[in-house]
Amino acid sequence: MEASASVARPADRARVNISYILLIATAAALGGLMFGFDVAIITGAGPFIEQAFGLDALELGWAFSSLLFGCVVGAAVSGLLVDWLGRKVLMVGVAILFGVTTVLTGLAPNFEAFVLARFLGGLAVGAVSLVAPMYVSEVAPARLRGRMGALYQMAVVTGILTSYLINYALRDMGPEAWRYMFYTGTVPAGLYLVLLLCVPESPRFLVRKGRDAQAQAILQRIGGGGQAEVEDIRLSLQTDKGSWLDLFRPHVRPPLMISICLAVLIHLSGINTVIDYAPKIFKSAGFTLDAALLSTFVVGIANFVFTLISFWVIDRFGRRPLYIIGSIGMSVSLACLVVSVLTGHFYGMTVLILIVLYLFFFAACIGPVFWTLLPEIFPNGVRGKALTVPVLTQWAANAVVVLIFPTVFHTIGQAATFGLLAAACLAQAIFTWIAVPETRSRSLEDISAQWRRGGRA
């Protein structure tokens, strides 16, 4: 199997078709636009929904987290379907479901209907969070895979920024403004559906299904090694047949455990509580609702700009160093928020600057690496099913954290809440230093072979 890994490296050094790779990777990554939109649109809609339905703290948590519990189910189901239907077909279905559920959410006549519609929308978001990064990792050459993977995170933050802009633009439309906020979700869904018509199926899925000629044609158009790369992929698939039992094999267990830990830690570090509850955090720091929404939009712009940095650093410095630096930076930023609370300076620009600094380390280092690294570390034969575990785990962790955040924030206070998040970020840095492998500029088959040899990839 070691010999097979060496085949992929020369192929990857072949002249690549950058424009074609960028087209198909961008089209697939736009699933992240829906992801970011649906997760963040609730940020500005939340205060209106809270008033419209008369919600208490726990019910508000359900309004925010119902989508995320749907994401758990969506990730689980997509893991069952992705190796059967294929990457492209599943993404098309996701685009349609997303468009339908955004309309249903806006039409919700009561809180129960709203929660159900958000849950169904979560099915689409959970599915796309598994299949889109997987597809990008399977079509991008090794030396470009980091930047192409970062496109997904770029689409996520674009969706978040778009949501913040829509929230701010529609804030004066009255008590029913939240309905129009959700209706606008049909636009990214339609864009995603149209662009998916331009992408081919993943060559690694085609080889799995015995459609070698189609896979070879796609690889050659991308700029890969053609028949040699097809043979390399086929050899890597012979070790694992893609059954659930394969997840318990010795060479799969290490990347599986690493992915689970990263999936839990990324949400314990607090990123989605900051994104979802930004207006509430800013209001607790003395901002008016208008000022809180405007500050949230500033946070979205910062998130977008900082993610651009990842395109320059992810394939230059590697995944592991960025994750360690980003985690430490987030921890320090949160620790400074704790100090600001304890010293009576938790207000105004101090809070905004520290949250933007926290987002800098996440957007430039953590977010793009997380969604790039997960599909990279798994062997070809089990990638679809194996990815289900960390993706489902991260959505479950996300849902629980977002659900309980309003209650925790009000119960233990600002300082203790930010202190817990800072500790989680520090734990994330330590775990990465100890356990996470470096995958920069390595073929997927090479990484798989290293696990089989019993070493860290």
Protein backbone atom coordinates (compact mmCIF):
# COMPACT_ATOMS: atom_id res chain seq x y z
CA MET A 1 0.00 0.00 0.00
CA GLU A 2 2.93 2.32 0.49
CA ALA A 3 3.70 2.09 -3.17
CA SER A 4 0.23 3.21 -4.05
CA ALA A 5 0.66 6.38 -2.04
CA SER A 6 3.74 7.27 -4.04
CA VAL A 7 1.75 7.12 -7.27
CA ALA A 8 -0.48 10.02 -6.24
CA ARG A 9 2.30 12.46 -5.51
CA PRO A 10 3.79 12.73 -9.00
CA ALA A 11 0.28 12.92 -10.43
CA ASP A 12 -0.53 15.78 -8.14
CA ARG A 13 2.50 17.69 -9.41
CA ALA A 14 1.02 17.62 -12.92
CA ARG A 15 -0.24 20.82 -14.46
CA VAL A 16 -3.62 21.48 -12.88
CA ASN A 17 -6.63 23.20 -14.43
CA ILE A 18 -7.02 25.96 -11.85
CA SER A 19 -10.08 27.58 -13.42
CA TYR A 20 -12.00 24.30 -13.59
CA ILE A 21 -11.02 23.29 -10.05
CA LEU A 22 -12.05 26.71 -8.78
CA LEU A 23 -15.40 26.44 -10.56
CA ILE A 24 -16.41 23.07 -9.16
CA ALA A 25 -14.97 23.70 -5.70
CA THR A 26 -16.76 27.06 -5.46
CA ALA A 27 -20.07 25.59 -6.64
CA ALA A 28 -19.91 22.83 -4.03
CA ALA A 29 -18.61 25.11 -1.29
CA LEU A 30 -21.61 27.41 -1.74
CA GLY A 31 -23.44 24.87 0.39
CA GLY A 32 -21.61 26.70 3.15
CA LEU A 33 -23.46 29.87 2.12
CA MET A 34 -26.73 28.17 3.07
CA PHE A 35 -25.10 26.86 6.23
CA GLY A 36 -23.97 30.33 7.31
CA PHE A 37 -27.21 31.99 6.27
CA ASP A 38 -29.52 29.63 8.13
CA VAL A 39 -27.38 29.52 11.27
CA ALA A 40 -27.01 33.32 11.48
CA ILE A 41 -30.33 34.69 10.18
CA ILE A 42 -31.84 33.85 13.57
CA THR A 43 -29.41 36.35 15.14
CA GLY A 44 -31.37 39.40 14.01
CA ALA A 45 -34.72 37.62 13.90
CA GLY A 46 -34.34 36.46 17.51
CA PRO A 47 -35.44 39.68 19.27
CA PHE A 48 -38.55 39.89 17.04
CA ILE A 49 -39.41 36.20 17.55
CA GLU A 50 -38.92 36.56 21.30
CA GLN A 51 -41.54 39.33 21.34
CA ALA A 52 -43.89 37.77 18.78
CA PHE A 53 -44.18 34.46 20.63
CA GLY A 54 -43.52 35.72 24.19
CA LEU A 55 -40.56 33.39 24.78
CA ASP A 56 -38.69 32.79 28.03
CA ALA A 57 -34.93 32.07 28.14
CA LEU A 58 -35.25 28.32 27.55
CA GLU A 59 -37.78 28.76 24.73
CA LEU A 60 -35.48 31.30 23.12
CA GLY A 61 -32.76 28.67 23.31
CA TRP A 62 -35.08 26.24 21.49
CA ALA A 63 -35.80 28.86 18.82
CA PHE A 64 -32.08 29.14 18.16
CA SER A 65 -31.11 25.50 18.59
CA SER A 66 -34.01 23.71 16.83
CA LEU A 67 -32.14 24.10 13.53
CA LEU A 68 -29.06 22.58 15.12
CA PHE A 69 -30.88 19.49 16.37
CA GLY A 70 -32.14 19.07 12.81
CA CYS A 71 -28.52 19.32 11.69
CA VAL A 72 -27.69 16.32 13.89
CA VAL A 73 -30.30 14.21 12.10
CA GLY A 74 -29.36 15.62 8.70
CA ALA A 75 -25.70 14.73 9.20
CA ALA A 76 -26.61 11.20 10.30
CA VAL A 77 -28.94 10.58 7.34
CA SER A 78 -26.53 12.06 4.80
CA GLY A 79 -23.82 9.74 6.07
CA LEU A 80 -26.07 6.83 5.09
CA LEU A 81 -26.89 8.28 1.68
CA VAL A 82 -23.67 9.88 0.46
CA ASP A 83 -22.02 6.60 -0.61
CA TRP A 84 -25.26 5.37 -2.18
CA LEU A 85 -26.64 8.38 -4.05
CA GLY A 86 -23.33 10.15 -4.59
CA ARG A 87 -22.07 13.59 -3.60
CA LYS A 88 -23.71 15.63 -6.36
CA VAL A 89 -27.22 14.15 -6.12
CA LEU A 90 -27.27 14.66 -2.37
CA MET A 91 -26.19 18.30 -2.72
CA VAL A 92 -28.99 18.95 -5.24
CA GLY A 93 -31.56 17.51 -2.82
CA VAL A 94 -30.16 19.65 -0.04
CA ALA A 95 -30.52 22.84 -2.10
CA ILE A 96 -34.20 22.10 -2.78
CA LEU A 97 -34.95 21.24 0.87
CA PHE A 98 -33.25 24.41 2.08
CA GLY A 99 -35.34 26.63 -0.21
CA VAL A 100 -38.60 24.99 0.87
CA THR A 101 -37.89 25.17 4.61
CA THR A 102 -36.87 28.84 4.60
CA VAL A 103 -40.33 29.66 3.22
CA LEU A 104 -42.04 27.41 5.78
CA THR A 105 -40.14 29.11 8.60
CA GLY A 106 -41.28 32.55 7.46
CA LEU A 107 -44.89 31.35 7.23
CA ALA A 108 -44.92 29.77 10.72
CA PRO A 109 -48.20 30.73 12.46
CA ASN A 110 -47.01 29.78 15.97
CA PHE A 111 -43.91 28.86 17.93
CA GLU A 112 -44.40 25.10 17.47
CA ALA A 113 -44.58 25.45 13.68
CA PHE A 114 -41.54 27.72 13.74
CA VAL A 115 -39.48 25.16 15.67
CA LEU A 116 -40.57 22.35 13.33
CA ALA A 117 -39.68 24.35 10.21
CA ARG A 118 -36.28 25.25 11.65
CA PHE A 119 -35.68 21.59 12.52
CA LEU A 120 -36.47 20.55 8.94
CA GLY A 121 -34.15 23.25 7.66
CA GLY A 122 -31.50 21.78 9.89
CA LEU A 123 -31.74 18.53 7.93
CA ALA A 124 -30.44 20.40 4.88
CA VAL A 125 -27.73 22.27 6.76
CA GLY A 126 -26.51 19.13 8.51
CA ALA A 127 -26.34 17.22 5.24
CA VAL A 128 -24.46 19.95 3.39
CA SER A 129 -21.95 20.29 6.21
CA LEU A 130 -20.92 16.68 5.54
CA VAL A 131 -21.14 16.36 1.78
CA ALA A 132 -19.78 19.73 0.60
CA PRO A 133 -16.38 19.62 2.39
CA MET A 134 -16.06 15.95 1.43
CA TYR A 135 -16.68 16.72 -2.22
CA VAL A 136 -14.18 19.58 -2.26
CA SER A 137 -11.48 17.45 -0.63
CA GLU A 138 -12.07 14.68 -3.18
CA VAL A 139 -11.76 16.87 -6.28
CA ALA A 140 -8.96 19.23 -5.26
CA PRO A 141 -5.27 18.35 -5.86
CA ALA A 142 -3.25 17.95 -2.65
CA ARG A 143 -1.27 21.17 -2.96
CA LEU A 144 -4.47 23.21 -3.45
CA ARG A 145 -6.74 21.29 -1.12
CA GLY A 146 -6.31 23.65 1.81
CA ARG A 147 -7.29 26.73 -0.18
CA MET A 148 -10.14 24.94 -1.93
CA GLY A 149 -11.33 23.65 1.44
CA ALA A 150 -11.16 27.18 2.80
CA LEU A 151 -13.70 28.15 0.13
CA TYR A 152 -16.29 26.28 2.16
CA GLN A 153 -15.55 28.30 5.29
CA MET A 154 -15.47 31.44 3.13
CA ALA A 155 -18.97 30.59 1.93
CA VAL A 156 -20.09 30.01 5.53
CA VAL A 157 -18.92 33.43 6.69
CA THR A 158 -20.37 35.03 3.55
CA GLY A 159 -23.71 33.50 4.48
CA ILE A 160 -23.33 34.84 8.02
CA LEU A 161 -22.42 38.32 6.78
CA THR A 162 -25.32 38.29 4.32
CA SER A 163 -27.67 37.36 7.15
CA TYR A 164 -26.38 40.18 9.32
CA LEU A 165 -26.85 42.66 6.46
CA ILE A 166 -30.41 41.42 5.84
CA ASN A 167 -31.17 41.58 9.57
CA TYR A 168 -30.00 45.17 9.77
CA ALA A 169 -31.70 46.25 6.53
CA LEU A 170 -35.10 44.80 7.54
CA ARG A 171 -35.00 45.78 11.24
CA ASP A 172 -37.51 48.65 10.78
CA MET A 173 -40.19 46.64 8.98
CA GLY A 174 -42.15 46.12 12.17
CA PRO A 175 -43.04 43.05 14.27
CA GLU A 176 -43.27 40.81 11.18
CA ALA A 177 -39.75 41.70 9.96
CA TRP A 178 -38.46 38.28 10.99
CA ARG A 179 -40.66 36.57 8.40
CA TYR A 180 -39.06 38.50 5.53
CA MET A 181 -35.62 37.75 6.95
CA PHE A 182 -36.28 34.04 6.47
CA TYR A 183 -37.93 34.41 3.04
CA THR A 184 -34.68 35.81 1.65
CA GLY A 185 -33.14 32.35 2.13
CA THR A 186 -34.68 31.26 -1.18
CA VAL A 187 -32.00 33.30 -3.00
CA PRO A 188 -28.90 31.36 -1.81
CA ALA A 189 -30.82 28.09 -2.24
CA GLY A 190 -31.61 28.94 -5.86
CA LEU A 191 -28.03 30.05 -6.55
CA TYR A 192 -26.65 26.83 -5.09
CA LEU A 193 -29.02 24.68 -7.14
CA VAL A 194 -28.10 26.41 -10.41
CA LEU A 195 -24.35 26.17 -9.82
CA LEU A 196 -24.57 22.48 -8.94
CA LEU A 197 -25.62 21.82 -12.53
CA CYS A 198 -22.05 22.74 -13.53
CA VAL A 199 -20.20 20.24 -11.32
CA PRO A 200 -19.31 16.59 -12.04
CA GLU A 201 -19.59 13.73 -9.59
CA SER A 202 -16.62 13.08 -7.29
CA PRO A 203 -14.04 10.88 -9.09
CA ARG A 204 -13.45 8.90 -5.90
CA PHE A 205 -17.16 8.09 -5.68
CA LEU A 206 -17.12 7.06 -9.35
CA VAL A 207 -14.21 4.68 -8.76
CA ARG A 208 -16.09 3.21 -5.80
CA LYS A 209 -18.99 2.48 -8.16
CA GLY A 210 -16.73 0.96 -10.84
CA ARG A 211 -17.11 3.89 -13.24
CA ASP A 212 -13.38 4.24 -13.83
CA ALA A 213 -13.60 5.79 -17.30
CA GLN A 214 -15.74 8.69 -16.03
CA ALA A 215 -13.47 9.17 -13.02
CA GLN A 216 -10.38 9.21 -15.26
CA ALA A 217 -11.93 11.82 -17.57
CA ILE A 218 -12.70 14.10 -14.63
CA LEU A 219 -9.25 13.65 -13.10
CA GLN A 220 -7.60 14.45 -16.42
CA ARG A 221 -9.69 17.59 -16.81
CA ILE A 222 -8.75 18.62 -13.28
CA GLY A 223 -5.12 17.96 -14.11
CA GLY A 224 -4.48 14.77 -12.16
CA GLY A 225 -2.70 11.61 -13.19
CA GLY A 226 -5.57 9.98 -15.08
CA GLN A 227 -5.30 6.19 -15.12
CA ALA A 228 -2.45 6.12 -12.59
CA GLU A 229 -4.49 8.10 -10.09
CA VAL A 230 -7.56 5.94 -10.70
CA GLU A 231 -5.48 2.86 -9.90
CA ASP A 232 -4.15 4.53 -6.76
CA ILE A 233 -7.70 5.32 -5.60
CA ARG A 234 -8.89 1.77 -6.37
CA LEU A 235 -6.05 0.27 -4.32
CA SER A 236 -6.91 2.49 -1.35
CA LEU A 237 -10.55 1.38 -1.57
CA GLN A 238 -9.62 -2.30 -1.41
CA THR A 239 -8.60 -2.05 2.24
CA ASP A 240 -11.95 -0.65 3.40
CA LYS A 241 -15.25 -1.63 1.81
CA GLY A 242 -17.15 1.22 3.41
CA SER A 243 -19.16 -0.70 6.01
CA TRP A 244 -19.90 0.67 9.47
CA LEU A 245 -17.77 -2.13 10.95
CA ASP A 246 -14.75 -0.65 9.17
CA LEU A 247 -14.92 2.31 11.56
CA PHE A 248 -13.65 0.02 14.31
CA ARG A 249 -10.56 -1.11 12.38
CA PRO A 250 -7.20 -0.17 13.97
CA HIS A 251 -6.18 2.28 11.23
CA VAL A 252 -9.54 4.11 11.35
CA ARG A 253 -9.91 4.47 15.11
CA PRO A 254 -7.17 7.13 15.61
CA PRO A 255 -8.51 9.64 13.03
CA LEU A 256 -12.05 8.93 14.24
CA MET A 257 -11.21 9.76 17.86
CA ILE A 258 -9.25 12.86 16.82
CA SER A 259 -12.19 14.09 14.74
CA ILE A 260 -14.67 13.56 17.59
CA CYS A 261 -12.55 15.54 20.04
CA LEU A 262 -12.08 18.40 17.57
CA ALA A 263 -15.83 18.41 16.85
CA VAL A 264 -16.68 18.85 20.53
CA LEU A 265 -13.95 21.37 21.30
CA ILE A 266 -14.74 23.70 18.40
CA HIS A 267 -18.17 24.40 19.90
CA LEU A 268 -17.14 24.39 23.53
CA SER A 269 -14.84 27.23 22.46
CA GLY A 270 -17.99 29.29 21.94
CA ILE A 271 -17.93 30.37 18.31
CA ASN A 272 -21.62 29.87 17.58
CA THR A 273 -22.75 31.41 20.84
CA VAL A 274 -20.86 34.55 19.83
CA ILE A 275 -22.36 34.48 16.33
CA ASP A 276 -25.94 33.57 17.32
CA TYR A 277 -26.22 35.67 20.46
CA ALA A 278 -24.08 38.64 19.42
CA PRO A 279 -26.97 41.15 19.79
CA LYS A 280 -27.73 39.80 23.28
CA ILE A 281 -24.05 40.04 24.29
CA PHE A 282 -23.79 43.59 22.96
CA LYS A 283 -27.04 44.61 24.67
CA SER A 284 -25.62 43.27 27.96
CA ALA A 285 -22.63 45.55 27.30
CA GLY A 286 -24.90 48.61 27.14
CA PHE A 287 -25.73 48.79 23.42
CA THR A 288 -29.24 49.69 22.21
CA LEU A 289 -30.93 47.14 19.89
CA ASP A 290 -30.07 49.19 16.79
CA ALA A 291 -26.46 49.59 17.92
CA ALA A 292 -26.28 45.89 18.82
CA LEU A 293 -27.47 44.86 15.35
CA LEU A 294 -25.03 47.29 13.72
CA SER A 295 -22.18 45.95 15.87
CA THR A 296 -23.21 42.44 14.90
CA PHE A 297 -22.89 43.45 11.25
CA VAL A 298 -19.40 44.81 11.99
CA VAL A 299 -18.57 41.41 13.53
CA GLY A 300 -19.81 39.73 10.34
CA ILE A 301 -17.59 41.94 8.17
CA ALA A 302 -14.60 41.18 10.38
CA ASN A 303 -15.36 37.46 10.20
CA PHE A 304 -15.47 37.69 6.38
CA VAL A 305 -12.25 39.68 6.04
CA PHE A 306 -10.31 37.50 8.47
CA THR A 307 -11.37 34.33 6.64
CA LEU A 308 -9.67 35.70 3.51
CA ILE A 309 -6.38 35.43 5.39
CA SER A 310 -6.83 31.67 5.60
CA PHE A 311 -6.41 31.37 1.81
CA TRP A 312 -2.85 32.64 2.18
CA VAL A 313 -1.83 30.71 5.30
CA ILE A 314 -3.57 27.31 5.22
CA ASP A 315 -1.39 25.73 2.51
CA ARG A 316 1.66 27.76 3.50
CA PHE A 317 1.91 27.04 7.22
CA GLY A 318 -0.20 23.90 7.51
CA ARG A 319 -3.24 22.82 9.49
CA ARG A 320 -1.71 21.93 12.86
CA PRO A 321 0.24 25.18 13.58
CA LEU A 322 -2.75 27.31 12.61
CA TYR A 323 -5.06 25.36 14.91
CA ILE A 324 -2.71 25.77 17.87
CA ILE A 325 -2.13 29.50 17.27
CA GLY A 326 -5.83 30.14 16.68
CA SER A 327 -6.89 28.29 19.82
CA ILE A 328 -4.43 30.18 22.02
CA GLY A 329 -5.47 33.51 20.49
CA MET A 330 -9.16 32.80 21.11
CA SER A 331 -8.40 31.81 24.71
CA VAL A 332 -6.50 35.04 25.36
CA SER A 333 -9.29 37.15 23.81
CA LEU A 334 -11.92 35.50 26.00
CA ALA A 335 -9.71 35.86 29.07
CA CYS A 336 -9.53 39.59 28.34
CA LEU A 337 -13.35 39.68 28.26
CA VAL A 338 -13.34 38.08 31.71
CA VAL A 339 -10.97 40.77 32.94
CA SER A 340 -13.15 43.49 31.42
CA VAL A 341 -16.16 42.15 33.34
CA LEU A 342 -14.28 41.85 36.64
CA THR A 343 -12.80 45.36 36.33
CA GLY A 344 -16.07 47.00 35.31
CA HIS A 345 -15.05 47.73 31.72
CA PHE A 346 -17.47 45.37 29.97
CA TYR A 347 -19.11 47.99 27.75
CA GLY A 348 -18.86 49.80 24.44
CA MET A 349 -15.87 49.51 22.15
CA THR A 350 -13.89 47.36 24.59
CA VAL A 351 -16.32 44.49 24.14
CA LEU A 352 -16.58 44.96 20.38
CA ILE A 353 -12.78 44.99 19.92
CA LEU A 354 -12.25 41.88 22.04
CA ILE A 355 -14.97 39.94 20.22
CA VAL A 356 -13.52 40.97 16.86
CA LEU A 357 -10.08 39.81 18.06
CA TYR A 358 -11.59 36.47 19.12
CA LEU A 359 -13.16 36.13 15.67
CA PHE A 360 -9.86 36.96 13.98
CA PHE A 361 -8.20 33.87 15.43
CA PHE A 362 -11.19 31.67 14.66
CA ALA A 363 -11.79 32.89 11.12
CA ALA A 364 -8.14 32.97 10.03
CA CYS A 365 -7.06 29.74 11.74
CA ILE A 366 -9.74 27.45 13.19
CA GLY A 367 -12.83 27.53 10.96
CA PRO A 368 -11.18 26.85 7.58
CA VAL A 369 -8.82 24.22 9.02
CA PHE A 370 -11.60 22.31 10.80
CA TRP A 371 -13.70 21.78 7.67
CA THR A 372 -10.61 21.07 5.55
CA LEU A 373 -8.96 18.66 7.98
CA LEU A 374 -11.95 16.43 8.79
CA PRO A 375 -12.37 14.85 5.32
CA GLU A 376 -8.59 14.74 4.80
CA ILE A 377 -7.74 12.44 7.68
CA PHE A 378 -10.11 9.57 6.81
CA PRO A 379 -9.29 6.68 4.41
CA ASN A 380 -11.10 6.75 1.05
CA GLY A 381 -13.12 3.60 1.69
CA VAL A 382 -14.78 4.85 4.88
CA ARG A 383 -14.74 8.63 4.35
CA GLY A 384 -18.50 8.99 3.87
CA LYS A 385 -19.52 6.98 6.93
CA ALA A 386 -16.59 8.08 9.07
CA LEU A 387 -17.31 11.77 8.46
CA THR A 388 -20.83 11.22 9.77
CA VAL A 389 -19.45 10.74 13.28
CA PRO A 390 -17.59 14.06 13.77
CA VAL A 391 -20.11 16.07 11.74
CA LEU A 392 -22.98 14.66 13.78
CA THR A 393 -20.97 15.20 16.97
CA GLN A 394 -20.20 18.82 16.17
CA TRP A 395 -23.85 19.55 15.43
CA ALA A 396 -24.93 17.87 18.67
CA ALA A 397 -22.35 19.85 20.64
CA ASN A 398 -23.39 23.02 18.79
CA ALA A 399 -27.08 22.42 19.55
CA VAL A 400 -26.52 21.80 23.27
CA VAL A 401 -24.23 24.81 23.71
CA VAL A 402 -26.57 27.17 21.84
CA LEU A 403 -29.60 25.80 23.72
CA ILE A 404 -28.19 26.36 27.19
CA PHE A 405 -26.16 29.52 26.54
CA PRO A 406 -28.93 32.05 27.43
CA THR A 407 -29.63 30.21 30.69
CA VAL A 408 -25.94 29.83 31.58
CA PHE A 409 -25.21 33.46 30.66
CA HIS A 410 -27.95 34.66 33.02
CA THR A 411 -27.25 32.11 35.78
CA ILE A 412 -23.47 32.13 36.31
CA GLY A 413 -22.79 35.56 34.81
CA GLN A 414 -20.62 37.01 32.10
CA ALA A 415 -17.21 36.44 33.67
CA ALA A 416 -17.74 32.75 34.46
CA THR A 417 -19.27 32.09 31.02
CA PHE A 418 -16.37 33.65 29.13
CA GLY A 419 -13.94 31.93 31.50
CA LEU A 420 -15.34 28.49 30.63
CA LEU A 421 -15.08 29.26 26.93
CA ALA A 422 -11.47 30.41 27.36
CA ALA A 423 -10.59 27.16 29.15
CA ALA A 424 -12.12 25.16 26.30
CA CYS A 425 -10.02 27.06 23.76
CA LEU A 426 -6.87 26.31 25.75
CA ALA A 427 -7.82 22.63 25.92
CA GLN A 428 -8.26 22.69 22.15
CA ALA A 429 -4.72 24.02 21.68
CA ILE A 430 -3.24 21.35 23.96
CA PHE A 431 -5.15 18.52 22.26
CA THR A 432 -4.07 19.70 18.81
CA TRP A 433 -0.42 19.85 19.86
CA ILE A 434 -0.59 16.30 21.25
CA ALA A 435 -2.79 14.43 18.76
CA VAL A 436 -3.61 16.21 15.48
CA PRO A 437 -1.59 15.24 12.36
CA GLU A 438 -0.32 17.54 9.62
CA THR A 439 -1.94 16.89 6.22
CA ARG A 440 -0.64 19.81 4.16
CA SER A 441 0.40 18.97 0.57
CA ARG A 442 -0.21 15.23 1.00
CA SER A 443 -2.49 13.10 -1.16
CA LEU A 444 -5.52 11.53 0.49
CA GLU A 445 -4.13 8.12 -0.39
CA ASP A 446 -0.78 8.93 1.26
CA ILE A 447 -2.52 9.98 4.48
CA SER A 448 -4.57 6.77 4.45
CA ALA A 449 -1.44 4.64 3.93
CA GLN A 450 0.27 6.26 6.92
CA TRP A 451 -2.63 5.34 9.21
CA ARG A 452 -2.47 1.76 7.94
CA ARG A 453 1.25 1.63 8.75
CA GLY A 454 0.34 2.41 12.35
CA GLY A 455 1.73 5.92 12.55
CA ARG A 456 0.21 9.36 12.94
CA ALA A 457 -0.72 10.61 9.47
